[in-house]
Amino acid sequence: MDLKLAKDMDNRTDVLYYIAEIIEAQGVNEAVAEKIAEAILDDSVRQEFSAKLKSVKDLPVEGDTPAITTQGDV
């Protein structure tokens, strides 16, 4: 096996277990969490899933004040 492919497979496995751990922390059975993680990482799903994740913005935390900017007003 070529070294790059081996590294790519290792990374994929690491990410799969990372996703599965997050899902398991929500009370989902380990086997089911791994199946969900595998579905997310599937080549036909991953790009769209990633694009959707990137579109999500952080919501303001209570107590944070929006930044006030002035243009020329001091």
N, C-alpha and C. Protein backbone atom coordinates (compact mmCIF):
# COMPACT_ATOMS: atom_id res chain seq x y z
N MET A 1 0.85 -1.18 0.00
CA MET A 1 0.00 0.00 0.00
C MET A 1 0.89 1.23 0.00
N ASP A 2 0.50 2.21 -0.76
CA ASP A 2 1.29 3.44 -0.83
C ASP A 2 1.11 4.26 0.45
N LEU A 3 2.15 4.97 0.84
CA LEU A 3 2.19 5.71 2.11
C LEU A 3 1.08 6.75 2.19
N LYS A 4 0.85 7.49 1.10
CA LYS A 4 -0.19 8.52 1.11
C LYS A 4 -1.56 7.91 1.36
N LEU A 5 -1.86 6.80 0.71
CA LEU A 5 -3.14 6.12 0.90
C LEU A 5 -3.27 5.65 2.34
N ALA A 6 -2.20 5.12 2.90
CA ALA A 6 -2.22 4.66 4.29
C ALA A 6 -2.52 5.82 5.24
N LYS A 7 -1.89 6.96 5.00
CA LYS A 7 -2.14 8.14 5.84
C LYS A 7 -3.58 8.63 5.69
N ASP A 8 -4.08 8.63 4.46
CA ASP A 8 -5.46 9.04 4.21
C ASP A 8 -6.45 8.11 4.93
N MET A 9 -6.17 6.83 4.89
CA MET A 9 -7.04 5.86 5.56
C MET A 9 -6.97 6.04 7.08
N ASP A 10 -5.78 6.29 7.61
CA ASP A 10 -5.62 6.55 9.05
C ASP A 10 -6.42 7.78 9.46
N ASN A 11 -6.30 8.84 8.67
CA ASN A 11 -7.03 10.07 8.98
C ASN A 11 -8.53 9.83 8.95
N ARG A 12 -8.98 9.11 7.94
CA ARG A 12 -10.41 8.81 7.82
C ARG A 12 -10.90 8.04 9.05
N THR A 13 -10.12 7.08 9.50
CA THR A 13 -10.48 6.30 10.68
C THR A 13 -10.52 7.18 11.93
N ASP A 14 -9.53 8.06 12.08
CA ASP A 14 -9.50 8.98 13.22
C ASP A 14 -10.74 9.87 13.24
N VAL A 15 -11.10 10.41 12.08
CA VAL A 15 -12.27 11.29 11.98
C VAL A 15 -13.55 10.50 12.24
N LEU A 16 -13.63 9.28 11.73
CA LEU A 16 -14.79 8.44 11.96
C LEU A 16 -15.01 8.25 13.45
N TYR A 17 -13.95 7.91 14.18
CA TYR A 17 -14.09 7.69 15.62
C TYR A 17 -14.39 9.00 16.35
N TYR A 18 -13.87 10.10 15.89
CA TYR A 18 -14.17 11.41 16.49
C TYR A 18 -15.67 11.71 16.36
N ILE A 19 -16.20 11.54 15.15
CA ILE A 19 -17.62 11.80 14.92
C ILE A 19 -18.47 10.83 15.75
N ALA A 20 -18.10 9.56 15.75
CA ALA A 20 -18.84 8.56 16.51
C ALA A 20 -18.87 8.90 18.00
N GLU A 21 -17.76 9.39 18.55
CA GLU A 21 -17.70 9.76 19.97
C GLU A 21 -18.67 10.90 20.27
N ILE A 22 -18.74 11.88 19.38
CA ILE A 22 -19.68 12.99 19.58
C ILE A 22 -21.12 12.47 19.58
N ILE A 23 -21.42 11.58 18.65
CA ILE A 23 -22.77 11.03 18.56
C ILE A 23 -23.08 10.17 19.79
N GLU A 24 -22.12 9.34 20.19
CA GLU A 24 -22.30 8.49 21.38
C GLU A 24 -22.55 9.32 22.63
N ALA A 25 -21.90 10.47 22.73
CA ALA A 25 -22.06 11.34 23.90
C ALA A 25 -23.51 11.82 24.03
N GLN A 26 -24.27 11.72 22.95
CA GLN A 26 -25.68 12.11 22.99
C GLN A 26 -26.58 10.94 23.37
N GLY A 27 -25.97 9.81 23.72
CA GLY A 27 -26.74 8.66 24.19
C GLY A 27 -27.04 7.62 23.12
N VAL A 28 -26.42 7.75 21.97
CA VAL A 28 -26.64 6.79 20.88
C VAL A 28 -25.72 5.59 21.08
N ASN A 29 -26.24 4.41 20.82
CA ASN A 29 -25.48 3.17 20.90
C ASN A 29 -24.22 3.26 20.05
N GLU A 30 -23.12 2.67 20.53
CA GLU A 30 -21.82 2.76 19.84
C GLU A 30 -21.89 2.28 18.40
N ALA A 31 -22.52 1.13 18.18
CA ALA A 31 -22.59 0.57 16.82
C ALA A 31 -23.38 1.50 15.89
N VAL A 32 -24.46 2.06 16.39
CA VAL A 32 -25.28 2.98 15.60
C VAL A 32 -24.49 4.27 15.33
N ALA A 33 -23.79 4.76 16.34
CA ALA A 33 -22.99 5.99 16.18
C ALA A 33 -21.93 5.78 15.10
N GLU A 34 -21.30 4.62 15.08
CA GLU A 34 -20.28 4.34 14.06
C GLU A 34 -20.90 4.26 12.67
N LYS A 35 -22.12 3.69 12.56
CA LYS A 35 -22.80 3.63 11.26
C LYS A 35 -23.14 5.03 10.76
N ILE A 36 -23.58 5.89 11.68
CA ILE A 36 -23.89 7.27 11.30
C ILE A 36 -22.62 7.98 10.84
N ALA A 37 -21.53 7.81 11.58
CA ALA A 37 -20.26 8.43 11.21
C ALA A 37 -19.79 7.93 9.85
N GLU A 38 -19.94 6.64 9.60
CA GLU A 38 -19.56 6.08 8.30
C GLU A 38 -20.40 6.69 7.18
N ALA A 39 -21.70 6.90 7.44
CA ALA A 39 -22.59 7.49 6.44
C ALA A 39 -22.17 8.93 6.14
N ILE A 40 -21.77 9.66 7.17
CA ILE A 40 -21.33 11.05 6.98
C ILE A 40 -20.05 11.11 6.16
N LEU A 41 -19.15 10.16 6.39
CA LEU A 41 -17.86 10.15 5.69
C LEU A 41 -17.92 9.51 4.31
N ASP A 42 -19.05 8.92 3.96
CA ASP A 42 -19.18 8.28 2.66
C ASP A 42 -18.85 9.30 1.56
N ASP A 43 -18.10 8.86 0.57
CA ASP A 43 -17.64 9.75 -0.50
C ASP A 43 -18.77 10.49 -1.19
N SER A 44 -19.95 9.86 -1.29
CA SER A 44 -21.06 10.49 -2.00
C SER A 44 -21.82 11.50 -1.13
N VAL A 45 -21.53 11.54 0.17
CA VAL A 45 -22.24 12.42 1.10
C VAL A 45 -21.33 13.50 1.67
N ARG A 46 -20.07 13.17 1.87
CA ARG A 46 -19.13 14.00 2.63
C ARG A 46 -19.02 15.44 2.13
N GLN A 47 -18.90 15.65 0.83
CA GLN A 47 -18.72 17.01 0.31
C GLN A 47 -19.93 17.89 0.62
N GLU A 48 -21.12 17.38 0.39
CA GLU A 48 -22.33 18.17 0.66
C GLU A 48 -22.48 18.41 2.16
N PHE A 49 -22.20 17.39 2.96
CA PHE A 49 -22.29 17.52 4.42
C PHE A 49 -21.31 18.59 4.91
N SER A 50 -20.09 18.54 4.39
CA SER A 50 -19.07 19.51 4.77
C SER A 50 -19.47 20.93 4.37
N ALA A 51 -20.03 21.09 3.18
CA ALA A 51 -20.47 22.40 2.71
C ALA A 51 -21.58 22.94 3.61
N LYS A 52 -22.49 22.08 4.00
CA LYS A 52 -23.58 22.51 4.89
C LYS A 52 -23.02 22.92 6.25
N LEU A 53 -22.05 22.17 6.78
CA LEU A 53 -21.44 22.53 8.07
C LEU A 53 -20.75 23.89 7.98
N LYS A 54 -20.06 24.12 6.88
CA LYS A 54 -19.35 25.40 6.70
C LYS A 54 -20.31 26.57 6.62
N SER A 55 -21.56 26.34 6.23
CA SER A 55 -22.52 27.42 6.11
C SER A 55 -23.11 27.84 7.46
N VAL A 56 -22.89 27.03 8.49
CA VAL A 56 -23.43 27.33 9.81
C VAL A 56 -22.53 28.34 10.51
N LYS A 57 -23.15 29.39 11.01
CA LYS A 57 -22.40 30.44 11.71
C LYS A 57 -22.64 30.31 13.21
N ASP A 58 -21.68 30.78 14.01
CA ASP A 58 -21.84 30.79 15.46
C ASP A 58 -22.97 31.74 15.83
N LEU A 59 -23.80 31.33 16.79
CA LEU A 59 -24.85 32.20 17.28
C LEU A 59 -24.29 33.05 18.41
N PRO A 60 -24.81 34.26 18.56
CA PRO A 60 -24.32 35.10 19.65
C PRO A 60 -24.62 34.45 21.00
N VAL A 61 -23.68 34.58 21.91
CA VAL A 61 -23.85 34.05 23.25
C VAL A 61 -24.51 35.14 24.09
N GLU A 62 -25.45 34.73 24.94
CA GLU A 62 -26.14 35.71 25.78
C GLU A 62 -25.13 36.52 26.57
N GLY A 63 -25.31 37.82 26.58
CA GLY A 63 -24.37 38.70 27.27
C GLY A 63 -23.37 39.33 26.34
N ASP A 64 -23.18 38.74 25.16
CA ASP A 64 -22.28 39.35 24.17
C ASP A 64 -22.99 40.56 23.57
N THR A 65 -22.25 41.62 23.43
CA THR A 65 -22.85 42.79 22.79
C THR A 65 -22.31 42.88 21.37
N PRO A 66 -23.17 43.22 20.45
CA PRO A 66 -22.68 43.34 19.07
C PRO A 66 -21.68 44.48 18.96
N ALA A 67 -20.73 44.30 18.10
CA ALA A 67 -19.72 45.33 17.89
C ALA A 67 -20.36 46.54 17.24
N ILE A 68 -20.07 47.68 17.79
CA ILE A 68 -20.61 48.93 17.24
C ILE A 68 -19.47 49.61 16.49
N THR A 69 -19.73 49.89 15.25
CA THR A 69 -18.71 50.54 14.45
C THR A 69 -19.24 51.89 14.02
N THR A 70 -18.36 52.82 13.95
CA THR A 70 -18.74 54.15 13.47
C THR A 70 -17.87 54.48 12.29
N GLN A 71 -18.45 55.08 11.34
CA GLN A 71 -17.69 55.50 10.16
C GLN A 71 -17.64 57.02 10.17
N GLY A 72 -16.56 57.55 10.68
CA GLY A 72 -16.38 58.99 10.70
C GLY A 72 -16.99 59.66 11.92
N ASP A 73 -17.87 58.98 12.67
CA ASP A 73 -18.47 59.54 13.87
C ASP A 73 -17.63 59.17 15.07
N VAL A 74 -17.08 60.15 15.74
CA VAL A 74 -16.27 59.87 16.91
C VAL A 74 -16.78 60.67 18.07
